Amino acid sequence: MIKKFLVILLVFISLQGNAQTSLSLPEFLAIVRKYHPVSRQAGIDVEIARAEITVARGGFDPLFNQELARKEFGGLLYYNHQLSQVQIPTWFGIDVVAGIETLNGNRTSTPDTKGASSYLGFSVPVGKGLLMDGRRAALQQAKIFTRLSLQQQQSVLNDLFYEAVKVYYTWWQEQQLQQLFQQAVNNAAQRLRLVKTAAELGDRPAIDTVEALAQLQAFQLRQAEIDVSVANAQLEVNNFLWQEDGSTYTLPASVRPQLTVQFAEALQPENLLKQLEQHPDLQQYRYKLDALVIERKLKFQSLLPSIYLKYNQLSSSHDLRKTFTTPWLQNNYQHGIGVAVPLRLSEGRGLYRQAKLKIDQTILDQANKKMLLQTKLLAQYNEWMGLQKQLAIQRSAIASFTALQRGEEVKFLNGESSLFLVNARELKRLEAEQKQIELQGKEQKAVAGIFWSAGNIANVLR
């Protein structure tokens, strides 16, 4: 009967706990993406950039202008002037204008036309502003900055998800250690009960009960430490969990994390380097360069003379349709030309040189950033490969320590060993299993680090 007790003692009992609610990594990151304040703020930045497009389009909005002026002095009507005008900017720099005008009075200006009149015309920049002007540059840059803000959002999410994944696997690691030592405590407690029974029956020396108690107390102490670590790890996880109304969320203690499957194909170096080309940090440089090219085109306009051609087709009534039927440049028309040329072009040359140097500076920054990202990516990959090797060795070591423990147990059953040696073998096996859990946690963090370095952790770990 005692031998049956010892056999039960030396066979470790697997814990059969109640079913627990689990929170997988994709589910965790989905909550982070949707409700975390940093993620929401990144989304708001994108909307702000889109609003800038609307602002820039305002430069091409038609403009209605209404003027009313009247002067009467000493019983004499100097003038009574009414003007209604519509100005329509176009993408090509040409402004189309149309208006109706009424002018009466005894002392009007000589060039003005008395009575009712109307006109339809345009203003064309022939030099500066023909190929690029401020409003066209503002709209083009606003569109680019919107695409840039989308990449900035991806960059923010990339960093946010990486921090979230590291916290998640720290939580997983502590949970695994908690389960490991909970099982060890249960087994040690059962061993103590069995040894006490054996000692009472005279089959084991009383000192073995002290040995079994010391082992149990050591495991209980370690379990208490891990319980604190689990609670703190879950607090860190709670920092990433928010609700739709902006309030924080606390996970129930019964929720458990899960180990993520591997991504063997995605972790090939050639695939990773291809993914790196689409890294949001690099894409931002591309859009910055596009915006700077537009700025350079705009600054080049400062080197050109300002030449404006204006032409209005006139009609002696408020009927604008007559301006389409009368021949242009015959009788009823008004035209003019304005020319302005800076003699030294100092400002234009300086602005254009600045724009070119900004492009050169950004290209150098882009090249340096790409090299840094490649180095970081390969370093993360090397770390993951090293952890893979360590895990393989550790699994083999666990098998060896388990075999040694089983062998020591057999010797103990045959009276050729002591409980002290069995406990020592058990400690070695537990240390090896603890090391394996730590390596598994590091391995998952290294996988996340690879995808983070490649810039697509937000898209892969879903």
Protein backbone atom coordinates (compact mmCIF):
# COMPACT_ATOMS: atom_id res chain seq x y z
CA MET A 1 0.00 0.00 0.00
CA ILE A 2 2.86 2.33 0.82
CA LYS A 3 4.42 1.64 -2.57
CA LYS A 4 1.16 2.69 -4.20
CA PHE A 5 1.32 5.95 -2.26
CA LEU A 6 4.90 6.51 -3.42
CA VAL A 7 4.03 5.78 -7.03
CA ILE A 8 1.25 8.36 -6.82
CA LEU A 9 3.71 10.71 -5.15
CA LEU A 10 6.26 10.41 -7.95
CA VAL A 11 3.78 10.82 -10.82
CA PHE A 12 3.03 14.48 -11.42
CA ILE A 13 -0.63 15.36 -11.58
CA SER A 14 -1.70 17.65 -14.40
CA LEU A 15 -4.09 20.36 -13.31
CA GLN A 16 -7.58 20.10 -14.63
CA GLY A 17 -8.81 23.64 -14.07
CA ASN A 18 -12.11 25.13 -15.05
CA ALA A 19 -12.52 26.41 -18.60
CA GLN A 20 -11.17 29.97 -18.88
CA THR A 21 -12.10 32.78 -21.20
CA SER A 22 -9.25 33.53 -23.59
CA LEU A 23 -8.19 36.73 -25.32
CA SER A 24 -6.20 36.08 -28.48
CA LEU A 25 -3.61 38.51 -29.78
CA PRO A 26 -5.65 39.51 -32.88
CA GLU A 27 -8.66 40.22 -30.67
CA PHE A 28 -6.50 42.25 -28.31
CA LEU A 29 -4.99 44.30 -31.15
CA ALA A 30 -8.42 44.85 -32.71
CA ILE A 31 -9.54 46.52 -29.48
CA VAL A 32 -6.34 48.58 -29.38
CA ARG A 33 -6.81 49.68 -33.00
CA LYS A 34 -10.42 50.72 -32.50
CA TYR A 35 -10.49 52.32 -29.06
CA HIS A 36 -6.99 53.23 -27.87
CA PRO A 37 -6.60 57.05 -27.59
CA VAL A 38 -3.36 57.05 -29.58
CA SER A 39 -5.02 55.15 -32.42
CA ARG A 40 -8.01 57.47 -32.36
CA GLN A 41 -5.76 60.52 -32.35
CA ALA A 42 -3.92 59.20 -35.41
CA GLY A 43 -7.29 58.84 -37.16
CA ILE A 44 -8.21 62.41 -36.24
CA ASP A 45 -4.92 63.64 -37.75
CA VAL A 46 -5.95 62.01 -41.04
CA GLU A 47 -9.32 63.78 -40.93
CA ILE A 48 -7.57 67.09 -40.23
CA ALA A 49 -5.39 66.55 -43.31
CA ARG A 50 -8.48 65.82 -45.39
CA ALA A 51 -10.05 69.02 -44.13
CA GLU A 52 -6.97 70.86 -45.43
CA ILE A 53 -7.89 69.68 -48.93
CA THR A 54 -11.26 71.40 -48.56
CA VAL A 55 -9.47 74.53 -47.38
CA ALA A 56 -7.11 74.46 -50.37
CA ARG A 57 -10.01 73.97 -52.79
CA GLY A 58 -11.36 77.24 -51.47
CA GLY A 59 -8.78 78.95 -53.66
CA PHE A 60 -10.78 77.80 -56.71
CA ASP A 61 -14.21 78.76 -55.41
CA PRO A 62 -16.08 81.27 -57.58
CA LEU A 63 -16.26 84.70 -55.97
CA PHE A 64 -19.30 86.96 -56.16
CA ASN A 65 -18.68 90.65 -55.59
CA GLN A 66 -21.32 93.32 -55.14
CA GLU A 67 -20.46 97.03 -54.93
CA LEU A 68 -22.83 99.93 -54.30
CA ALA A 69 -21.54 103.53 -54.16
CA ARG A 70 -23.32 106.87 -54.33
CA LYS A 71 -22.20 110.46 -53.77
CA GLU A 72 -24.49 113.44 -53.54
CA PHE A 73 -23.27 116.86 -52.39
CA GLY A 74 -24.83 120.34 -52.50
CA GLY A 75 -27.90 119.06 -54.28
CA LEU A 76 -25.72 117.58 -57.03
CA LEU A 77 -25.54 113.84 -57.78
CA TYR A 78 -21.88 113.16 -58.31
CA TYR A 79 -22.30 109.48 -59.09
CA ASN A 80 -24.44 106.44 -58.42
CA HIS A 81 -22.52 103.24 -59.08
CA GLN A 82 -23.73 99.63 -58.92
CA LEU A 83 -21.56 96.65 -59.82
CA SER A 84 -22.26 92.90 -59.63
CA GLN A 85 -19.35 90.66 -60.62
CA VAL A 86 -18.52 86.95 -60.61
CA GLN A 87 -14.90 85.80 -60.75
CA ILE A 88 -14.18 82.14 -61.55
CA PRO A 89 -10.63 80.87 -60.96
CA THR A 90 -9.54 77.91 -63.08
CA TRP A 91 -6.89 75.23 -62.60
CA PHE A 92 -4.77 76.64 -65.43
CA GLY A 93 -4.27 80.02 -63.74
CA ILE A 94 -6.81 81.85 -65.88
CA ASP A 95 -9.46 83.88 -64.06
CA VAL A 96 -12.76 84.30 -65.87
CA VAL A 97 -14.78 87.40 -64.89
CA ALA A 98 -18.27 88.53 -65.77
CA GLY A 99 -20.29 91.46 -64.47
CA ILE A 100 -23.05 93.98 -64.95
CA GLU A 101 -22.61 97.64 -64.11
CA THR A 102 -24.77 100.74 -63.79
CA LEU A 103 -23.24 104.21 -63.54
CA ASN A 104 -25.07 107.55 -63.43
CA GLY A 105 -24.14 111.04 -62.27
CA ASN A 106 -22.78 114.41 -63.27
CA ARG A 107 -19.21 114.00 -62.14
CA THR A 108 -18.10 110.49 -63.02
CA SER A 109 -14.57 109.59 -64.09
CA THR A 110 -13.84 110.05 -67.75
CA PRO A 111 -12.77 106.37 -68.45
CA ASP A 112 -15.97 105.04 -66.86
CA THR A 113 -18.93 104.07 -68.99
CA LYS A 114 -22.21 105.71 -68.07
CA GLY A 115 -25.51 103.93 -68.11
CA ALA A 116 -26.03 100.19 -68.17
CA SER A 117 -23.21 97.96 -69.32
CA SER A 118 -21.90 94.42 -68.91
CA TYR A 119 -18.68 92.62 -69.60
CA LEU A 120 -17.19 89.12 -69.93
CA GLY A 121 -13.46 88.61 -69.88
CA PHE A 122 -10.43 86.90 -68.45
CA SER A 123 -7.04 87.49 -66.88
CA VAL A 124 -4.09 85.31 -67.97
CA PRO A 125 -0.64 85.12 -66.32
CA VAL A 126 1.82 84.72 -69.16
CA GLY A 127 5.03 84.51 -67.09
CA LYS A 128 4.92 83.92 -63.35
CA GLY A 129 1.92 81.82 -62.36
CA LEU A 130 1.28 80.25 -65.75
CA LEU A 131 2.45 76.72 -64.88
CA MET A 132 2.20 76.94 -61.09
CA ASP A 133 0.79 79.34 -58.54
CA GLY A 134 0.09 79.40 -54.82
CA ARG A 135 -3.44 78.01 -54.97
CA ARG A 136 -2.53 75.12 -57.25
CA ALA A 137 0.51 74.30 -55.11
CA ALA A 138 -1.61 74.44 -51.93
CA LEU A 139 -4.17 71.99 -53.30
CA GLN A 140 -1.59 69.55 -54.64
CA GLN A 141 0.35 69.64 -51.38
CA ALA A 142 -2.84 69.20 -49.35
CA LYS A 143 -3.59 65.99 -51.25
CA ILE A 144 -0.03 64.78 -50.70
CA PHE A 145 -0.18 65.63 -47.00
CA THR A 146 -3.36 63.59 -46.70
CA ARG A 147 -1.53 60.55 -48.08
CA LEU A 148 1.38 61.45 -45.81
CA SER A 149 -0.94 61.55 -42.79
CA LEU A 150 -2.18 58.06 -43.66
CA GLN A 151 1.39 56.81 -43.55
CA GLN A 152 1.96 58.66 -40.28
CA GLN A 153 -1.12 56.90 -38.93
CA GLN A 154 0.34 53.54 -39.97
CA SER A 155 3.63 54.45 -38.32
CA VAL A 156 1.86 55.36 -35.07
CA LEU A 157 -0.14 52.11 -35.17
CA ASN A 158 3.03 50.16 -35.93
CA ASP A 159 4.72 51.49 -32.78
CA LEU A 160 1.56 51.20 -30.69
CA PHE A 161 0.96 47.58 -31.71
CA TYR A 162 4.57 46.63 -31.02
CA GLU A 163 4.32 47.96 -27.48
CA ALA A 164 0.97 46.22 -27.07
CA VAL A 165 2.36 42.89 -28.30
CA LYS A 166 5.31 43.05 -25.90
CA VAL A 167 2.95 43.71 -22.99
CA TYR A 168 0.65 40.91 -24.14
CA TYR A 169 3.44 38.31 -24.23
CA THR A 170 4.83 39.44 -20.90
CA TRP A 171 1.35 38.74 -19.58
CA TRP A 172 1.29 35.35 -21.35
CA GLN A 173 4.73 34.49 -19.98
CA GLU A 174 3.76 35.29 -16.39
CA GLN A 175 0.52 33.34 -16.77
CA GLN A 176 2.44 30.30 -17.98
CA LEU A 177 4.86 30.54 -15.06
CA GLN A 178 1.92 30.84 -12.70
CA GLN A 179 0.39 27.64 -14.07
CA LEU A 180 3.75 25.87 -13.92
CA PHE A 181 4.34 26.68 -10.26
CA GLN A 182 0.71 26.15 -9.32
CA GLN A 183 1.13 22.60 -10.57
CA ALA A 184 4.43 22.31 -8.70
CA VAL A 185 2.81 23.52 -5.46
CA ASN A 186 -0.06 21.06 -5.84
CA ASN A 187 2.34 18.18 -6.47
CA ALA A 188 4.59 19.20 -3.58
CA ALA A 189 1.60 19.45 -1.23
CA GLN A 190 0.43 16.01 -2.24
CA ARG A 191 3.97 14.65 -1.84
CA LEU A 192 4.11 16.08 1.68
CA ARG A 193 0.86 14.35 2.62
CA LEU A 194 2.08 11.03 1.25
CA VAL A 195 5.48 11.30 2.94
CA LYS A 196 3.80 12.09 6.27
CA THR A 197 1.65 8.99 5.85
CA ALA A 198 4.68 6.89 5.02
CA ALA A 199 6.60 8.30 8.01
CA GLU A 200 3.69 7.55 10.34
CA LEU A 201 3.66 3.95 9.08
CA GLY A 202 7.40 3.72 9.64
CA ASP A 203 8.31 3.26 5.96
CA ARG A 204 10.17 6.60 5.62
CA PRO A 205 12.35 8.56 8.03
CA ALA A 206 10.76 11.59 9.66
CA ILE A 207 13.41 13.88 8.13
CA ASP A 208 11.78 13.29 4.73
CA THR A 209 8.73 15.24 5.90
CA VAL A 210 10.99 18.23 6.56
CA GLU A 211 12.53 17.82 3.09
CA ALA A 212 9.08 17.67 1.47
CA LEU A 213 7.86 20.69 3.48
CA ALA A 214 10.93 22.75 2.51
CA GLN A 215 10.30 21.97 -1.18
CA LEU A 216 6.63 22.99 -0.83
CA GLN A 217 7.52 26.23 0.92
CA ALA A 218 10.06 27.12 -1.77
CA PHE A 219 7.43 26.59 -4.45
CA GLN A 220 4.82 28.57 -2.50
CA LEU A 221 7.25 31.47 -2.16
CA ARG A 222 7.97 31.45 -5.88
CA GLN A 223 4.25 31.20 -6.63
CA ALA A 224 3.53 34.25 -4.46
CA GLU A 225 6.15 36.23 -6.39
CA ILE A 226 4.67 35.16 -9.72
CA ASP A 227 1.14 36.03 -8.59
CA VAL A 228 2.30 39.62 -8.09
CA SER A 229 3.99 39.59 -11.52
CA VAL A 230 0.81 38.28 -13.16
CA ALA A 231 -1.30 40.99 -11.53
CA ASN A 232 1.15 43.70 -12.62
CA ALA A 233 1.36 42.27 -16.15
CA GLN A 234 -2.42 42.34 -16.44
CA LEU A 235 -2.42 45.96 -15.27
CA GLU A 236 -0.06 46.76 -18.15
CA VAL A 237 -2.44 44.99 -20.53
CA ASN A 238 -5.36 47.01 -19.16
CA ASN A 239 -3.49 50.19 -20.14
CA PHE A 240 -4.11 49.27 -23.78
CA LEU A 241 -7.79 48.38 -23.36
CA TRP A 242 -10.33 51.16 -23.76
CA GLN A 243 -14.05 51.34 -24.44
CA GLU A 244 -15.98 53.19 -27.11
CA ASP A 245 -16.99 55.98 -24.72
CA GLY A 246 -13.33 56.67 -23.90
CA SER A 247 -13.34 54.99 -20.51
CA THR A 248 -10.77 52.38 -19.49
CA TYR A 249 -11.52 48.66 -19.30
CA THR A 250 -10.28 46.14 -16.76
CA LEU A 251 -9.92 42.52 -17.81
CA PRO A 252 -11.45 39.94 -15.50
CA ALA A 253 -8.86 37.84 -13.68
CA SER A 254 -10.19 34.70 -15.40
CA VAL A 255 -9.17 35.86 -18.89
CA ARG A 256 -6.11 34.12 -20.33
CA PRO A 257 -3.82 35.03 -23.26
CA GLN A 258 -2.98 32.67 -26.11
CA LEU A 259 0.22 31.79 -27.92
CA THR A 260 0.27 33.03 -31.51
CA VAL A 261 1.08 30.71 -34.39
CA GLN A 262 4.27 31.25 -36.35
CA PHE A 263 4.54 33.01 -39.71
CA ALA A 264 7.24 30.95 -41.38
CA GLU A 265 6.80 32.26 -44.93
CA ALA A 266 6.48 35.88 -43.84
CA LEU A 267 9.72 35.60 -41.86
CA GLN A 268 11.93 34.87 -44.85
CA PRO A 269 14.60 37.61 -45.22
CA GLU A 270 13.84 38.25 -48.90
CA ASN A 271 10.15 38.75 -48.12
CA LEU A 272 10.96 41.00 -45.20
CA LEU A 273 13.23 43.25 -47.25
CA LYS A 274 10.48 43.59 -49.86
CA GLN A 275 8.02 44.55 -47.14
CA LEU A 276 10.51 47.11 -45.85
CA GLU A 277 10.14 49.11 -49.08
CA GLN A 278 6.57 49.84 -48.00
CA HIS A 279 7.54 50.85 -44.48
CA PRO A 280 5.39 53.86 -43.48
CA ASP A 281 8.47 55.79 -42.34
CA LEU A 282 10.00 55.44 -45.82
CA GLN A 283 6.71 56.21 -47.53
CA GLN A 284 6.55 59.45 -45.57
CA TYR A 285 9.84 60.53 -47.09
CA ARG A 286 8.47 59.83 -50.57
CA TYR A 287 5.46 62.03 -49.96
CA LYS A 288 7.62 64.71 -48.38
CA LEU A 289 9.75 64.69 -51.52
CA ASP A 290 6.63 65.01 -53.70
CA ALA A 291 5.55 68.03 -51.67
CA LEU A 292 9.03 69.56 -51.91
CA VAL A 293 9.07 69.10 -55.69
CA ILE A 294 5.85 71.10 -55.88
CA GLU A 295 7.39 73.74 -53.63
CA ARG A 296 10.43 73.89 -55.93
CA LYS A 297 8.16 74.44 -58.94
CA LEU A 298 6.39 77.21 -57.08
CA LYS A 299 9.64 78.88 -56.03
CA PHE A 300 10.88 78.72 -59.63
CA GLN A 301 8.02 81.02 -60.54
CA SER A 302 9.77 83.71 -58.49
CA LEU A 303 12.47 83.78 -61.18
CA LEU A 304 9.95 84.66 -63.89
CA PRO A 305 8.56 88.12 -64.69
CA SER A 306 4.97 88.85 -63.68
CA ILE A 307 3.06 89.39 -66.92
CA TYR A 308 -0.73 89.55 -66.92
CA LEU A 309 -2.94 89.90 -69.96
CA LYS A 310 -6.47 91.15 -69.36
CA TYR A 311 -9.35 91.29 -71.79
CA ASN A 312 -13.03 92.20 -71.34
CA GLN A 313 -15.72 92.05 -74.03
CA LEU A 314 -18.19 94.87 -73.38
CA SER A 315 -21.89 95.33 -73.96
CA SER A 316 -23.99 98.48 -73.64
CA SER A 317 -26.71 96.64 -71.71
CA HIS A 318 -27.06 94.16 -68.86
CA ASP A 319 -27.57 91.33 -71.32
CA LEU A 320 -24.34 89.29 -71.06
CA ARG A 321 -25.34 87.19 -74.06
CA LYS A 322 -24.46 90.09 -76.36
CA THR A 323 -20.80 89.75 -75.36
CA PHE A 324 -20.77 86.38 -77.15
CA THR A 325 -22.27 87.72 -80.38
CA THR A 326 -20.16 90.82 -80.95
CA PRO A 327 -16.73 90.40 -82.59
CA TRP A 328 -13.76 90.51 -80.19
CA LEU A 329 -11.11 93.21 -80.51
CA GLN A 330 -13.61 95.34 -82.47
CA ASN A 331 -15.41 98.34 -81.00
CA ASN A 332 -16.71 97.11 -77.59
CA TYR A 333 -13.71 95.77 -75.72
CA GLN A 334 -11.14 96.59 -73.06
CA HIS A 335 -7.70 95.05 -72.74
CA GLY A 336 -4.44 95.65 -70.95
CA ILE A 337 -1.10 94.18 -70.00
CA GLY A 338 0.89 94.44 -66.78
CA VAL A 339 4.59 93.62 -66.43
CA ALA A 340 6.74 93.50 -63.29
CA VAL A 341 10.33 92.22 -63.31
CA PRO A 342 12.70 92.20 -60.28
CA LEU A 343 16.01 93.41 -61.66
CA ARG A 344 18.30 91.27 -59.49
CA LEU A 345 15.96 88.34 -58.74
CA SER A 346 17.66 88.00 -55.33
CA GLU A 347 14.58 86.74 -53.52
CA GLY A 348 13.66 84.35 -56.33
CA ARG A 349 17.14 82.85 -56.56
CA GLY A 350 17.31 82.43 -52.78
CA LEU A 351 13.91 80.78 -52.52
CA TYR A 352 14.61 78.42 -55.42
CA ARG A 353 17.98 77.42 -53.97
CA GLN A 354 16.38 76.74 -50.59
CA ALA A 355 13.78 74.51 -52.22
CA LYS A 356 16.45 72.49 -54.02
CA LEU A 357 18.55 72.10 -50.86
CA LYS A 358 15.50 70.87 -48.93
CA ILE A 359 15.06 68.14 -51.53
CA ASP A 360 18.72 67.12 -51.29
CA GLN A 361 18.46 67.08 -47.50
CA THR A 362 15.35 64.90 -47.55
CA ILE A 363 16.92 62.43 -50.00
CA LEU A 364 19.89 62.00 -47.64
CA ASP A 365 17.56 61.55 -44.67
CA GLN A 366 15.61 58.96 -46.62
CA ALA A 367 18.73 56.96 -47.50
CA ASN A 368 19.94 57.05 -43.91
CA LYS A 369 16.52 56.01 -42.59
CA LYS A 370 16.35 53.09 -45.00
CA MET A 371 19.76 51.83 -43.89
CA LEU A 372 18.80 52.11 -40.22
CA LEU A 373 15.55 50.23 -40.83
CA GLN A 374 17.35 47.46 -42.74
CA THR A 375 19.89 47.08 -39.93
CA LYS A 376 17.14 46.97 -37.31
CA LEU A 377 15.16 44.43 -39.33
CA LEU A 378 18.11 42.08 -39.83
CA ALA A 379 19.06 42.40 -36.15
CA GLN A 380 15.54 41.41 -35.13
CA TYR A 381 15.66 38.51 -37.56
CA ASN A 382 19.00 37.32 -36.17
CA GLU A 383 17.60 37.50 -32.64
CA TRP A 384 14.62 35.38 -33.67
CA MET A 385 16.87 32.81 -35.35
CA GLY A 386 19.02 32.63 -32.21
CA LEU A 387 15.94 32.11 -30.05
CA GLN A 388 14.79 29.32 -32.35
CA LYS A 389 18.07 27.50 -31.74
CA GLN A 390 17.93 28.14 -28.00
CA LEU A 391 14.39 26.78 -27.83
CA ALA A 392 15.39 23.60 -29.64
CA ILE A 393 18.25 23.08 -27.18
CA GLN A 394 16.00 23.91 -24.24
CA ARG A 395 13.36 21.38 -25.29
CA SER A 396 16.06 18.74 -25.51
CA ALA A 397 17.37 19.78 -22.09
CA ILE A 398 13.89 19.44 -20.58
CA ALA A 399 13.64 15.93 -21.98
CA SER A 400 17.02 15.14 -20.39
CA PHE A 401 16.11 16.62 -17.01
CA THR A 402 12.78 14.78 -17.09
CA ALA A 403 14.55 11.50 -17.81
CA LEU A 404 16.99 12.15 -14.96
CA GLN A 405 14.12 12.89 -12.61
CA ARG A 406 12.28 9.72 -13.62
CA GLY A 407 15.46 7.72 -13.13
CA GLU A 408 15.96 9.23 -9.70
CA GLU A 409 12.37 8.37 -8.83
CA VAL A 410 12.93 4.73 -9.81
CA LYS A 411 16.04 4.59 -7.64
CA PHE A 412 14.06 6.20 -4.83
CA LEU A 413 11.38 3.53 -5.13
CA ASN A 414 14.10 0.87 -4.92
CA GLY A 415 15.58 2.47 -1.82
CA GLU A 416 18.76 3.56 -3.66
CA SER A 417 18.16 7.30 -3.49
CA SER A 418 16.73 9.99 -1.22
CA LEU A 419 13.91 12.49 -1.43
CA PHE A 420 16.55 15.24 -1.43
CA LEU A 421 17.92 14.02 -4.77
CA VAL A 422 14.44 13.60 -6.23
CA ASN A 423 13.63 17.18 -5.21
CA ALA A 424 16.91 18.39 -6.70
CA ARG A 425 16.07 16.72 -10.02
CA GLU A 426 12.60 18.27 -9.91
CA LEU A 427 14.07 21.73 -9.34
CA LYS A 428 16.35 21.33 -12.36
CA ARG A 429 13.41 20.29 -14.51
CA LEU A 430 11.30 23.22 -13.30
CA GLU A 431 14.14 25.65 -13.97
CA ALA A 432 14.42 24.27 -17.49
CA GLU A 433 10.66 24.57 -18.07
CA GLN A 434 10.71 28.10 -16.68
CA LYS A 435 13.54 28.97 -19.06
CA GLN A 436 11.58 27.51 -21.96
CA ILE A 437 8.55 29.68 -21.13
CA GLU A 438 10.78 32.76 -21.00
CA LEU A 439 12.33 31.84 -24.36
CA GLN A 440 8.89 31.32 -25.89
CA GLY A 441 7.85 34.76 -24.69
CA LYS A 442 11.02 36.28 -26.13
CA GLU A 443 10.47 34.39 -29.38
CA GLN A 444 6.98 35.85 -29.83
CA LYS A 445 8.27 39.32 -29.02
CA ALA A 446 11.05 38.81 -31.56
CA VAL A 447 8.47 37.85 -34.22
CA ALA A 448 6.56 41.03 -33.42
CA GLY A 449 9.86 42.94 -33.55
CA ILE A 450 10.52 41.64 -37.05
CA PHE A 451 7.13 42.77 -38.33
CA TRP A 452 7.51 46.07 -36.49
CA SER A 453 10.91 46.66 -38.10
CA ALA A 454 9.36 45.86 -41.49
CA GLY A 455 6.62 48.39 -40.73
CA ASN A 456 3.60 46.13 -41.17
CA ILE A 457 2.85 44.70 -37.73
CA ALA A 458 -0.55 46.44 -37.83
CA ASN A 459 -1.48 44.44 -40.95
CA VAL A 460 0.11 41.07 -40.23
CA LEU A 461 -0.87 40.38 -36.62
CA ARG A 462 -4.62 40.50 -37.18
